[in-house]
């Protein structure tokens, strides 16, 4: 069974990061989970920034019908979470779904963790590095397939990686280091 990653709203907000993670999940490199609260937060932030895509949430939910962790699965856990109040629902949902990793850019908001917590909290850069470590060929295949579906200037693996430099710098550096081992045909 593949790794289960619970995605925080801050990971779903940047469009290029969201596309890369969802495309990798679609390719079966890991399973993803989210909650209604996380998706609502993503939608709110996109609307505030004027970036709301029409029915993005519907498209995501249709593409990943097994990703939803419903509120009745985690509501009773929220009050027992010792981390930052605004992100207790995220940790509760990750624990309720038995996620292996909670992927978030807000690492400080997830300390402390409950003593018996088996969910590892990772920055998206570190998460993607671990996926690259385990599935390098598949990651580059996935990025290549994503590039094929895009228009210029985002229609190459290097362009996609460059677009991620600010959000997941360690992953970008590690991926560029691995690029020479893949031929142009692979990309």
N, C-alpha and C. Protein backbone atom coordinates (compact mmCIF):
# COMPACT_ATOMS: atom_id res chain seq x y z
N UNK A 1 0.85 -1.19 0.00
CA UNK A 1 0.00 0.00 0.00
C UNK A 1 0.89 1.24 0.00
N UNK A 2 0.51 2.23 -0.77
CA UNK A 2 1.34 3.42 -0.90
C UNK A 2 1.14 4.38 0.28
N UNK A 3 2.09 5.28 0.40
CA UNK A 3 2.07 6.28 1.46
C UNK A 3 0.82 7.15 1.32
N UNK A 4 0.25 7.52 2.48
CA UNK A 4 -0.92 8.40 2.51
C UNK A 4 -0.48 9.76 3.02
N UNK A 5 -0.71 10.79 2.20
CA UNK A 5 -0.31 12.16 2.55
C UNK A 5 -1.56 13.02 2.71
N UNK A 6 -1.71 13.63 3.89
CA UNK A 6 -2.79 14.58 4.12
C UNK A 6 -2.25 15.96 3.73
N UNK A 7 -2.99 16.66 2.86
CA UNK A 7 -2.52 17.94 2.33
C UNK A 7 -3.21 19.11 3.02
N UNK A 8 -2.42 20.02 3.55
CA UNK A 8 -2.93 21.24 4.16
C UNK A 8 -3.29 22.23 3.05
N UNK A 9 -4.13 23.20 3.36
CA UNK A 9 -4.58 24.18 2.37
C UNK A 9 -3.42 24.96 1.77
N UNK A 10 -2.39 25.24 2.55
CA UNK A 10 -1.26 26.03 2.04
C UNK A 10 -0.49 25.28 0.95
N UNK A 11 -0.65 23.98 0.87
CA UNK A 11 -0.01 23.17 -0.16
C UNK A 11 -0.88 23.16 -1.42
N UNK A 12 -2.17 23.33 -1.24
CA UNK A 12 -3.10 23.32 -2.37
C UNK A 12 -3.30 24.70 -2.98
N UNK A 13 -2.86 25.73 -2.31
CA UNK A 13 -3.05 27.10 -2.80
C UNK A 13 -2.18 27.45 -4.01
N UNK A 14 -0.86 27.26 -3.95
CA UNK A 14 -0.04 27.63 -5.13
C UNK A 14 -0.35 26.67 -6.29
N UNK A 15 -0.78 27.21 -7.40
CA UNK A 15 -1.27 26.37 -8.50
C UNK A 15 -0.23 25.39 -9.04
N UNK A 16 1.02 25.82 -9.20
CA UNK A 16 2.02 24.91 -9.75
C UNK A 16 2.35 23.78 -8.77
N UNK A 17 2.43 24.10 -7.49
CA UNK A 17 2.68 23.06 -6.49
C UNK A 17 1.49 22.10 -6.44
N UNK A 18 0.29 22.64 -6.42
CA UNK A 18 -0.91 21.81 -6.41
C UNK A 18 -0.92 20.87 -7.62
N UNK A 19 -0.63 21.42 -8.80
CA UNK A 19 -0.65 20.59 -10.01
C UNK A 19 0.37 19.46 -9.94
N UNK A 20 1.56 19.75 -9.46
CA UNK A 20 2.61 18.73 -9.37
C UNK A 20 2.21 17.65 -8.37
N UNK A 21 1.77 18.04 -7.20
CA UNK A 21 1.40 17.05 -6.18
C UNK A 21 0.21 16.21 -6.64
N UNK A 22 -0.81 16.85 -7.19
CA UNK A 22 -1.98 16.10 -7.63
C UNK A 22 -1.65 15.18 -8.81
N UNK A 23 -0.77 15.62 -9.70
CA UNK A 23 -0.37 14.79 -10.82
C UNK A 23 0.41 13.57 -10.35
N UNK A 24 1.27 13.76 -9.36
CA UNK A 24 2.01 12.63 -8.80
C UNK A 24 1.07 11.66 -8.09
N UNK A 25 0.08 12.20 -7.38
CA UNK A 25 -0.90 11.34 -6.72
C UNK A 25 -1.72 10.57 -7.75
N UNK A 26 -2.09 11.25 -8.80
CA UNK A 26 -2.85 10.62 -9.89
C UNK A 26 -2.05 9.48 -10.52
N UNK A 27 -0.73 9.63 -10.58
CA UNK A 27 0.14 8.60 -11.13
C UNK A 27 0.36 7.44 -10.16
N UNK A 28 -0.16 7.58 -8.93
CA UNK A 28 -0.06 6.49 -7.96
C UNK A 28 1.20 6.48 -7.12
N UNK A 29 1.94 7.60 -7.10
CA UNK A 29 3.17 7.63 -6.30
C UNK A 29 2.87 7.71 -4.81
N UNK A 30 1.70 8.18 -4.46
CA UNK A 30 1.21 8.23 -3.08
C UNK A 30 -0.29 8.49 -3.15
N UNK A 31 -0.95 8.30 -2.03
CA UNK A 31 -2.37 8.62 -1.93
C UNK A 31 -2.50 9.96 -1.21
N UNK A 32 -3.55 10.70 -1.53
CA UNK A 32 -3.75 11.98 -0.86
C UNK A 32 -5.07 11.98 -0.11
N UNK A 33 -5.09 12.83 0.92
CA UNK A 33 -6.30 13.06 1.71
C UNK A 33 -6.40 14.56 1.98
N UNK A 34 -7.65 15.03 2.15
CA UNK A 34 -7.94 16.39 2.56
C UNK A 34 -9.28 16.37 3.25
N UNK A 35 -9.67 17.46 3.82
CA UNK A 35 -10.96 17.55 4.52
C UNK A 35 -11.78 18.69 3.92
N UNK A 36 -13.08 18.73 4.22
CA UNK A 36 -13.89 19.86 3.75
C UNK A 36 -13.34 21.19 4.26
N UNK A 37 -12.84 21.19 5.50
CA UNK A 37 -12.28 22.42 6.08
C UNK A 37 -11.05 22.89 5.28
N UNK A 38 -10.20 21.97 4.90
CA UNK A 38 -9.00 22.31 4.13
C UNK A 38 -9.39 22.86 2.76
N UNK A 39 -10.33 22.20 2.10
CA UNK A 39 -10.75 22.66 0.78
C UNK A 39 -11.45 24.02 0.85
N UNK A 40 -12.22 24.25 1.90
CA UNK A 40 -12.87 25.55 2.07
C UNK A 40 -11.84 26.64 2.30
N UNK A 41 -10.80 26.35 3.08
CA UNK A 41 -9.73 27.32 3.31
C UNK A 41 -8.99 27.63 2.01
N UNK A 42 -8.73 26.59 1.22
CA UNK A 42 -8.08 26.79 -0.08
C UNK A 42 -8.94 27.71 -0.95
N UNK A 43 -10.24 27.43 -1.03
CA UNK A 43 -11.14 28.23 -1.85
C UNK A 43 -11.19 29.68 -1.38
N UNK A 44 -11.28 29.88 -0.06
CA UNK A 44 -11.31 31.25 0.49
C UNK A 44 -10.07 32.03 0.09
N UNK A 45 -8.92 31.40 0.25
CA UNK A 45 -7.66 32.08 -0.06
C UNK A 45 -7.51 32.36 -1.56
N UNK A 46 -7.97 31.45 -2.38
CA UNK A 46 -7.94 31.69 -3.83
C UNK A 46 -8.87 32.84 -4.20
N UNK A 47 -10.05 32.88 -3.61
CA UNK A 47 -11.00 33.96 -3.92
C UNK A 47 -10.46 35.31 -3.44
N UNK A 48 -9.83 35.34 -2.26
CA UNK A 48 -9.25 36.59 -1.75
C UNK A 48 -8.19 37.13 -2.70
N UNK A 49 -7.43 36.22 -3.29
CA UNK A 49 -6.35 36.62 -4.19
C UNK A 49 -6.84 36.81 -5.63
N UNK A 50 -8.13 36.62 -5.84
CA UNK A 50 -8.68 36.77 -7.18
C UNK A 50 -8.25 35.67 -8.13
N UNK A 51 -7.87 34.51 -7.58
CA UNK A 51 -7.35 33.41 -8.39
C UNK A 51 -8.30 32.23 -8.45
N UNK A 52 -9.50 32.41 -7.97
CA UNK A 52 -10.42 31.28 -7.89
C UNK A 52 -10.73 30.74 -9.27
N UNK A 53 -10.36 29.50 -9.49
CA UNK A 53 -10.71 28.83 -10.73
C UNK A 53 -12.14 28.34 -10.62
N UNK A 54 -12.85 28.40 -11.72
CA UNK A 54 -14.22 27.90 -11.72
C UNK A 54 -14.21 26.43 -11.37
N UNK A 55 -14.98 26.10 -10.41
CA UNK A 55 -15.18 24.73 -9.91
C UNK A 55 -13.91 23.91 -9.69
N UNK A 56 -12.81 24.55 -9.29
CA UNK A 56 -11.57 23.84 -9.00
C UNK A 56 -11.81 22.75 -7.96
N UNK A 57 -12.51 23.09 -6.91
CA UNK A 57 -12.77 22.11 -5.85
C UNK A 57 -13.55 20.92 -6.41
N UNK A 58 -14.56 21.18 -7.23
CA UNK A 58 -15.34 20.08 -7.82
C UNK A 58 -14.45 19.18 -8.66
N UNK A 59 -13.58 19.78 -9.44
CA UNK A 59 -12.67 19.01 -10.28
C UNK A 59 -11.76 18.15 -9.42
N UNK A 60 -11.21 18.73 -8.35
CA UNK A 60 -10.32 18.00 -7.46
C UNK A 60 -11.05 16.84 -6.78
N UNK A 61 -12.25 17.11 -6.29
CA UNK A 61 -13.01 16.06 -5.61
C UNK A 61 -13.41 14.95 -6.57
N UNK A 62 -13.73 15.29 -7.80
CA UNK A 62 -14.08 14.28 -8.81
C UNK A 62 -12.87 13.43 -9.18
N UNK A 63 -11.72 14.07 -9.29
CA UNK A 63 -10.51 13.36 -9.67
C UNK A 63 -10.00 12.44 -8.56
N UNK A 64 -10.27 12.80 -7.32
CA UNK A 64 -9.79 12.03 -6.16
C UNK A 64 -10.96 11.74 -5.22
N UNK A 65 -11.88 10.87 -5.62
CA UNK A 65 -13.08 10.64 -4.80
C UNK A 65 -12.79 10.01 -3.44
N UNK A 66 -11.65 9.36 -3.29
CA UNK A 66 -11.32 8.73 -2.01
C UNK A 66 -10.49 9.63 -1.10
N UNK A 67 -10.22 10.86 -1.52
CA UNK A 67 -9.35 11.74 -0.74
C UNK A 67 -10.04 12.39 0.46
N UNK A 68 -11.36 12.50 0.43
CA UNK A 68 -12.08 13.25 1.46
C UNK A 68 -12.10 12.53 2.80
N UNK A 69 -11.69 13.26 3.84
CA UNK A 69 -11.86 12.82 5.22
C UNK A 69 -13.01 13.66 5.75
N UNK A 70 -14.11 13.02 6.04
CA UNK A 70 -15.31 13.75 6.42
C UNK A 70 -15.24 14.22 7.87
N UNK A 71 -15.91 15.33 8.13
CA UNK A 71 -15.85 15.97 9.45
C UNK A 71 -16.26 15.02 10.57
N UNK A 72 -17.23 14.17 10.35
CA UNK A 72 -17.65 13.26 11.42
C UNK A 72 -16.55 12.27 11.80
N UNK A 73 -15.52 12.16 10.97
CA UNK A 73 -14.39 11.28 11.27
C UNK A 73 -13.36 11.93 12.19
N UNK A 74 -13.35 13.26 12.27
CA UNK A 74 -12.29 13.92 13.04
C UNK A 74 -12.76 15.00 14.01
N UNK A 75 -14.02 15.42 13.93
CA UNK A 75 -14.49 16.50 14.81
C UNK A 75 -14.22 16.24 16.28
N UNK A 76 -14.44 15.01 16.72
CA UNK A 76 -14.27 14.67 18.14
C UNK A 76 -12.82 14.72 18.58
N UNK A 77 -11.87 14.74 17.64
CA UNK A 77 -10.45 14.78 17.99
C UNK A 77 -9.89 16.20 18.11
N UNK A 78 -10.57 17.17 17.54
CA UNK A 78 -10.01 18.52 17.43
C UNK A 78 -9.62 19.11 18.78
N UNK A 79 -10.48 19.03 19.77
CA UNK A 79 -10.20 19.65 21.06
C UNK A 79 -9.00 19.04 21.77
N UNK A 80 -8.63 17.81 21.42
CA UNK A 80 -7.50 17.14 22.07
C UNK A 80 -6.16 17.42 21.39
N UNK A 81 -6.17 18.14 20.30
CA UNK A 81 -4.93 18.42 19.58
C UNK A 81 -4.17 19.54 20.29
N UNK A 82 -2.87 19.33 20.58
CA UNK A 82 -2.08 20.32 21.31
C UNK A 82 -1.41 21.39 20.43
N UNK A 83 -1.56 21.29 19.13
CA UNK A 83 -0.90 22.24 18.24
C UNK A 83 -1.69 23.54 18.16
N UNK A 84 -1.27 24.45 17.31
CA UNK A 84 -1.90 25.77 17.17
C UNK A 84 -3.39 25.62 16.91
N UNK A 85 -4.18 26.41 17.60
CA UNK A 85 -5.64 26.31 17.56
C UNK A 85 -6.21 26.33 16.14
N UNK A 86 -5.70 27.21 15.29
CA UNK A 86 -6.28 27.34 13.94
C UNK A 86 -6.00 26.13 13.05
N UNK A 87 -5.04 25.31 13.42
CA UNK A 87 -4.70 24.14 12.61
C UNK A 87 -4.99 22.81 13.30
N UNK A 88 -5.74 22.84 14.39
CA UNK A 88 -6.07 21.59 15.07
C UNK A 88 -6.93 20.69 14.20
N UNK A 89 -7.83 21.29 13.42
CA UNK A 89 -8.70 20.48 12.55
C UNK A 89 -7.88 19.73 11.51
N UNK A 90 -6.78 20.32 11.05
CA UNK A 90 -5.93 19.69 10.03
C UNK A 90 -5.25 18.46 10.63
N UNK A 91 -4.64 18.62 11.79
CA UNK A 91 -3.97 17.50 12.44
C UNK A 91 -4.97 16.42 12.82
N UNK A 92 -6.13 16.81 13.32
CA UNK A 92 -7.16 15.83 13.69
C UNK A 92 -7.59 15.01 12.48
N UNK A 93 -7.78 15.65 11.35
CA UNK A 93 -8.20 14.93 10.14
C UNK A 93 -7.08 14.00 9.65
N UNK A 94 -5.83 14.45 9.73
CA UNK A 94 -4.70 13.61 9.31
C UNK A 94 -4.61 12.36 10.19
N UNK A 95 -4.79 12.54 11.49
CA UNK A 95 -4.75 11.41 12.42
C UNK A 95 -5.93 10.48 12.16
N UNK A 96 -7.12 11.04 11.98
CA UNK A 96 -8.32 10.23 11.78
C UNK A 96 -8.23 9.35 10.54
N UNK A 97 -7.54 9.82 9.51
CA UNK A 97 -7.43 9.05 8.28
C UNK A 97 -6.19 8.15 8.24
N UNK A 98 -5.45 8.12 9.35
CA UNK A 98 -4.22 7.31 9.44
C UNK A 98 -3.20 7.70 8.37
N UNK A 99 -3.06 8.99 8.13
CA UNK A 99 -2.06 9.47 7.18
C UNK A 99 -0.66 9.15 7.69
N UNK A 100 0.22 8.90 6.76
CA UNK A 100 1.63 8.70 7.11
C UNK A 100 2.32 10.04 7.32
N UNK A 101 1.89 11.04 6.52
CA UNK A 101 2.53 12.34 6.55
C UNK A 101 1.47 13.43 6.37
N UNK A 102 1.65 14.52 7.09
CA UNK A 102 0.84 15.72 6.91
C UNK A 102 1.75 16.72 6.21
N UNK A 103 1.37 17.13 5.01
CA UNK A 103 2.21 18.01 4.21
C UNK A 103 1.72 19.44 4.37
N UNK A 104 2.59 20.30 4.93
CA UNK A 104 2.24 21.69 5.21
C UNK A 104 3.48 22.57 5.16
N UNK A 105 3.30 23.81 4.76
CA UNK A 105 4.39 24.77 4.81
C UNK A 105 4.44 25.46 6.17
N UNK A 106 3.41 25.27 6.98
CA UNK A 106 3.30 25.92 8.30
C UNK A 106 3.75 24.97 9.40
N UNK A 107 4.99 24.53 9.36
CA UNK A 107 5.49 23.54 10.31
C UNK A 107 5.32 23.97 11.76
N UNK A 108 5.54 25.24 12.04
CA UNK A 108 5.49 25.72 13.43
C UNK A 108 4.10 25.58 14.04
N UNK A 109 3.06 25.56 13.22
CA UNK A 109 1.69 25.45 13.73
C UNK A 109 1.32 24.02 14.11
N UNK A 110 2.22 23.09 13.89
CA UNK A 110 1.92 21.69 14.20
C UNK A 110 2.81 21.14 15.30
N UNK A 111 3.22 22.05 16.18
CA UNK A 111 3.99 21.67 17.37
C UNK A 111 3.26 22.21 18.58
N UNK A 112 3.16 21.42 19.60
CA UNK A 112 3.58 20.03 19.70
C UNK A 112 2.56 19.09 19.07
N UNK A 113 3.00 17.87 18.86
CA UNK A 113 2.11 16.81 18.38
C UNK A 113 1.68 15.98 19.57
N UNK A 114 0.54 15.32 19.49
CA UNK A 114 0.15 14.43 20.58
C UNK A 114 1.20 13.34 20.77
N UNK A 115 1.36 12.88 21.98
CA UNK A 115 2.39 11.89 22.30
C UNK A 115 2.30 10.61 21.49
N UNK A 116 1.11 10.18 21.16
CA UNK A 116 0.94 8.92 20.44
C UNK A 116 0.76 9.13 18.93
N UNK A 117 1.07 10.30 18.44
CA UNK A 117 0.85 10.65 17.04
C UNK A 117 1.85 9.94 16.14
N UNK A 118 1.35 9.23 15.14
CA UNK A 118 2.21 8.54 14.20
C UNK A 118 2.31 9.27 12.87
N UNK A 119 1.69 10.43 12.77
CA UNK A 119 1.73 11.22 11.55
C UNK A 119 2.99 12.09 11.58
N UNK A 120 3.77 12.02 10.51
CA UNK A 120 4.95 12.86 10.40
C UNK A 120 4.56 14.15 9.68
N UNK A 121 4.97 15.28 10.22
CA UNK A 121 4.67 16.57 9.60
C UNK A 121 5.87 16.97 8.76
N UNK A 122 5.62 17.25 7.46
CA UNK A 122 6.72 17.59 6.55
C UNK A 122 6.38 18.81 5.71
N UNK A 123 7.39 19.59 5.44
CA UNK A 123 7.28 20.68 4.48
C UNK A 123 7.11 20.04 3.10
N UNK A 124 6.36 20.68 2.18
CA UNK A 124 6.18 20.08 0.86
C UNK A 124 7.49 19.82 0.12
N UNK A 125 8.51 20.63 0.36
CA UNK A 125 9.81 20.40 -0.28
C UNK A 125 10.41 19.08 0.19
N UNK A 126 10.37 18.84 1.50
CA UNK A 126 10.91 17.60 2.05
C UNK A 126 10.08 16.40 1.61
N UNK A 127 8.76 16.58 1.58
CA UNK A 127 7.88 15.51 1.12
C UNK A 127 8.21 15.12 -0.31
N UNK A 128 8.31 16.10 -1.20
CA UNK A 128 8.61 15.81 -2.60
C UNK A 128 10.01 15.24 -2.78
N UNK A 129 10.95 15.66 -1.93
CA UNK A 129 12.29 15.05 -1.97
C UNK A 129 12.22 13.56 -1.63
N UNK A 130 11.42 13.21 -0.64
CA UNK A 130 11.30 11.79 -0.27
C UNK A 130 10.63 10.99 -1.39
N UNK A 131 9.66 11.60 -2.07
CA UNK A 131 9.03 10.93 -3.21
C UNK A 131 10.06 10.76 -4.32
N UNK A 132 10.84 11.79 -4.59
CA UNK A 132 11.88 11.72 -5.62
C UNK A 132 12.91 10.65 -5.27
N UNK A 133 13.29 10.56 -3.99
CA UNK A 133 14.25 9.54 -3.56
C UNK A 133 13.74 8.13 -3.85
N UNK A 134 12.46 7.91 -3.66
CA UNK A 134 11.90 6.58 -3.84
C UNK A 134 11.45 6.26 -5.25
N UNK A 135 11.13 7.28 -6.02
CA UNK A 135 10.52 7.07 -7.34
C UNK A 135 11.04 8.06 -8.38
N UNK A 136 12.34 8.19 -8.50
CA UNK A 136 12.91 9.22 -9.39
C UNK A 136 12.38 9.11 -10.82
N UNK A 137 12.44 7.93 -11.38
CA UNK A 137 12.00 7.76 -12.76
C UNK A 137 10.52 8.13 -12.92
N UNK A 138 9.70 7.68 -11.96
CA UNK A 138 8.27 7.97 -12.01
C UNK A 138 7.98 9.45 -11.82
N UNK A 139 8.76 10.11 -10.96
CA UNK A 139 8.58 11.55 -10.75
C UNK A 139 8.86 12.29 -12.06
N UNK A 140 9.95 11.95 -12.74
CA UNK A 140 10.27 12.63 -13.99
C UNK A 140 9.28 12.27 -15.10
N UNK A 141 8.78 11.04 -15.11
CA UNK A 141 7.72 10.68 -16.06
C UNK A 141 6.48 11.54 -15.80
N UNK A 142 6.14 11.70 -14.54
CA UNK A 142 4.97 12.50 -14.16
C UNK A 142 5.15 13.96 -14.56
N UNK A 143 6.32 14.50 -14.28
CA UNK A 143 6.60 15.89 -14.66
C UNK A 143 6.59 16.06 -16.18
N UNK A 144 7.10 15.08 -16.88
CA UNK A 144 7.09 15.13 -18.35
C UNK A 144 5.66 15.11 -18.88
N UNK A 145 4.83 14.25 -18.31
CA UNK A 145 3.43 14.18 -18.73
C UNK A 145 2.70 15.49 -18.43
N UNK A 146 3.01 16.09 -17.29
CA UNK A 146 2.41 17.38 -16.95
C UNK A 146 2.85 18.44 -17.95
N UNK A 147 4.12 18.44 -18.30
CA UNK A 147 4.65 19.41 -19.28
C UNK A 147 3.96 19.26 -20.64
N UNK A 148 3.67 18.05 -21.03
CA UNK A 148 3.00 17.81 -22.31
C UNK A 148 1.60 18.42 -22.36
N UNK A 149 0.96 18.54 -21.20
CA UNK A 149 -0.39 19.10 -21.14
C UNK A 149 -0.40 20.62 -21.01
N UNK A 150 0.78 21.21 -20.89
CA UNK A 150 0.86 22.66 -20.69
C UNK A 150 1.34 23.38 -21.94
N UNK A 151 1.07 24.67 -21.94
CA UNK A 151 1.53 25.54 -23.03
C UNK A 151 2.83 26.22 -22.62
N UNK A 152 3.50 26.80 -23.62
CA UNK A 152 4.70 27.59 -23.33
C UNK A 152 4.34 28.73 -22.40
N UNK A 153 5.16 29.09 -21.50
CA UNK A 153 6.53 28.64 -21.28
C UNK A 153 6.63 27.48 -20.28
N UNK A 154 5.51 26.91 -19.86
CA UNK A 154 5.51 25.88 -18.82
C UNK A 154 5.43 24.47 -19.40
N UNK A 155 5.92 24.26 -20.61
CA UNK A 155 5.79 22.97 -21.26
C UNK A 155 7.07 22.14 -21.27
N UNK A 156 7.88 22.32 -20.23
CA UNK A 156 9.08 21.50 -20.07
C UNK A 156 9.29 21.22 -18.59
N UNK A 157 9.98 20.14 -18.32
CA UNK A 157 10.28 19.79 -16.93
C UNK A 157 11.10 20.89 -16.25
N UNK A 158 12.17 21.41 -16.89
CA UNK A 158 12.91 22.50 -16.24
C UNK A 158 12.04 23.72 -15.94
N UNK A 159 11.13 24.06 -16.84
CA UNK A 159 10.25 25.21 -16.59
C UNK A 159 9.33 24.97 -15.41
N UNK A 160 8.80 23.76 -15.31
CA UNK A 160 7.94 23.43 -14.17
C UNK A 160 8.75 23.51 -12.88
N UNK A 161 9.93 22.94 -12.90
CA UNK A 161 10.78 22.98 -11.70
C UNK A 161 11.12 24.41 -11.32
N UNK A 162 11.49 25.23 -12.29
CA UNK A 162 11.80 26.63 -12.00
C UNK A 162 10.62 27.35 -11.37
N UNK A 163 9.40 27.01 -11.77
CA UNK A 163 8.21 27.67 -11.22
C UNK A 163 7.98 27.31 -9.75
N UNK A 164 8.63 26.25 -9.29
CA UNK A 164 8.45 25.77 -7.92
C UNK A 164 9.57 26.23 -6.98
N UNK A 165 10.52 26.99 -7.51
CA UNK A 165 11.72 27.33 -6.73
C UNK A 165 11.42 28.00 -5.39
N UNK A 166 10.47 28.91 -5.34
CA UNK A 166 10.17 29.62 -4.09
C UNK A 166 9.43 28.75 -3.09
N UNK A 167 8.58 27.85 -3.56
CA UNK A 167 7.75 27.07 -2.63
C UNK A 167 8.41 25.78 -2.16
N UNK A 168 9.18 25.13 -3.02
CA UNK A 168 9.82 23.86 -2.64
C UNK A 168 11.28 23.83 -3.13
N UNK A 169 12.12 24.72 -2.58
CA UNK A 169 13.49 24.88 -3.10
C UNK A 169 14.36 23.62 -3.00
N UNK A 170 14.26 22.88 -1.92
CA UNK A 170 15.10 21.68 -1.78
C UNK A 170 14.74 20.64 -2.84
N UNK A 171 13.45 20.48 -3.08
CA UNK A 171 13.01 19.55 -4.13
C UNK A 171 13.54 19.99 -5.49
N UNK A 172 13.44 21.26 -5.78
CA UNK A 172 13.89 21.77 -7.08
C UNK A 172 15.39 21.51 -7.25
N UNK A 173 16.18 21.80 -6.22
CA UNK A 173 17.63 21.56 -6.31
C UNK A 173 17.92 20.08 -6.51
N UNK A 174 17.25 19.24 -5.75
CA UNK A 174 17.48 17.79 -5.86
C UNK A 174 17.04 17.28 -7.24
N UNK A 175 15.92 17.78 -7.73
CA UNK A 175 15.44 17.35 -9.05
C UNK A 175 16.39 17.80 -10.15
N UNK A 176 16.86 19.05 -10.08
CA UNK A 176 17.81 19.51 -11.10
C UNK A 176 19.12 18.72 -11.03
N UNK A 177 19.54 18.33 -9.83
CA UNK A 177 20.74 17.50 -9.71
C UNK A 177 20.54 16.14 -10.38
N UNK A 178 19.32 15.64 -10.35
CA UNK A 178 19.03 14.33 -10.94
C UNK A 178 18.76 14.42 -12.44
N UNK A 179 18.46 15.61 -12.95
CA UNK A 179 18.13 15.76 -14.37
C UNK A 179 19.18 15.21 -15.32
N UNK A 180 20.49 15.42 -15.08
CA UNK A 180 21.47 14.91 -16.04
C UNK A 180 21.40 13.39 -16.24
N UNK A 181 20.86 12.66 -15.28
CA UNK A 181 20.79 11.21 -15.42
C UNK A 181 19.64 10.78 -16.33
N UNK A 182 18.78 11.73 -16.71
CA UNK A 182 17.66 11.43 -17.58
C UNK A 182 17.92 12.05 -18.94
N UNK A 183 17.67 11.32 -19.99
CA UNK A 183 17.93 11.82 -21.33
C UNK A 183 16.83 12.79 -21.75
N UNK A 184 17.08 13.53 -22.80
CA UNK A 184 16.07 14.45 -23.34
C UNK A 184 14.82 13.68 -23.73
N UNK A 185 14.99 12.44 -24.18
CA UNK A 185 13.84 11.61 -24.55
C UNK A 185 12.95 11.37 -23.33
N UNK A 186 13.56 11.20 -22.16
CA UNK A 186 12.80 10.96 -20.93
C UNK A 186 12.01 12.20 -20.52
N UNK A 187 12.49 13.38 -20.86
CA UNK A 187 11.87 14.62 -20.43
C UNK A 187 10.94 15.14 -21.51
